């Protein structure tokens, strides 16, 4: 699990080449956290989808986004556990990482093997974990459309 760090700090340079040209969904109800995650992903060349601030928005974005490569998922969205989103991502074989302000041991047993980080997060470690979960070794080329 990641150690707490300043969300405002720019992440250290990482070896996140796997994030380049990848579509990554952000599911996070806290605007500042979502913005920091989006900035860091964009710095690594990823295409950010979202952020989704509710379960309904997240599921709609998942359904409406072709070739989604991964996701960063807050466990608690405005008082609702985000497990329906996690199940949808799992069903579609889309890798994801959990972020939580709660005790990480409270993450549902079904998702015990999913990387999870306590907020505030060390963004570089989160991005490294996300890139490690990506199943395809080569990023997909962006398509027009």
Foldseek 3Di string as FASTA:
>chain_A
DFDEDDLPDQADDAPLLLQAAAEEEEADQDVSNSVSLVVNSVVSRHHYDDPHQDLVSLVVSVVVDPRHAEYEHEQARPNDGNVVSVVVCVVVVHAYEYEYCDDPVPPDPVCPVHHYYHPPGNSNVRSVSGSVSGDDPHRDHDDDD
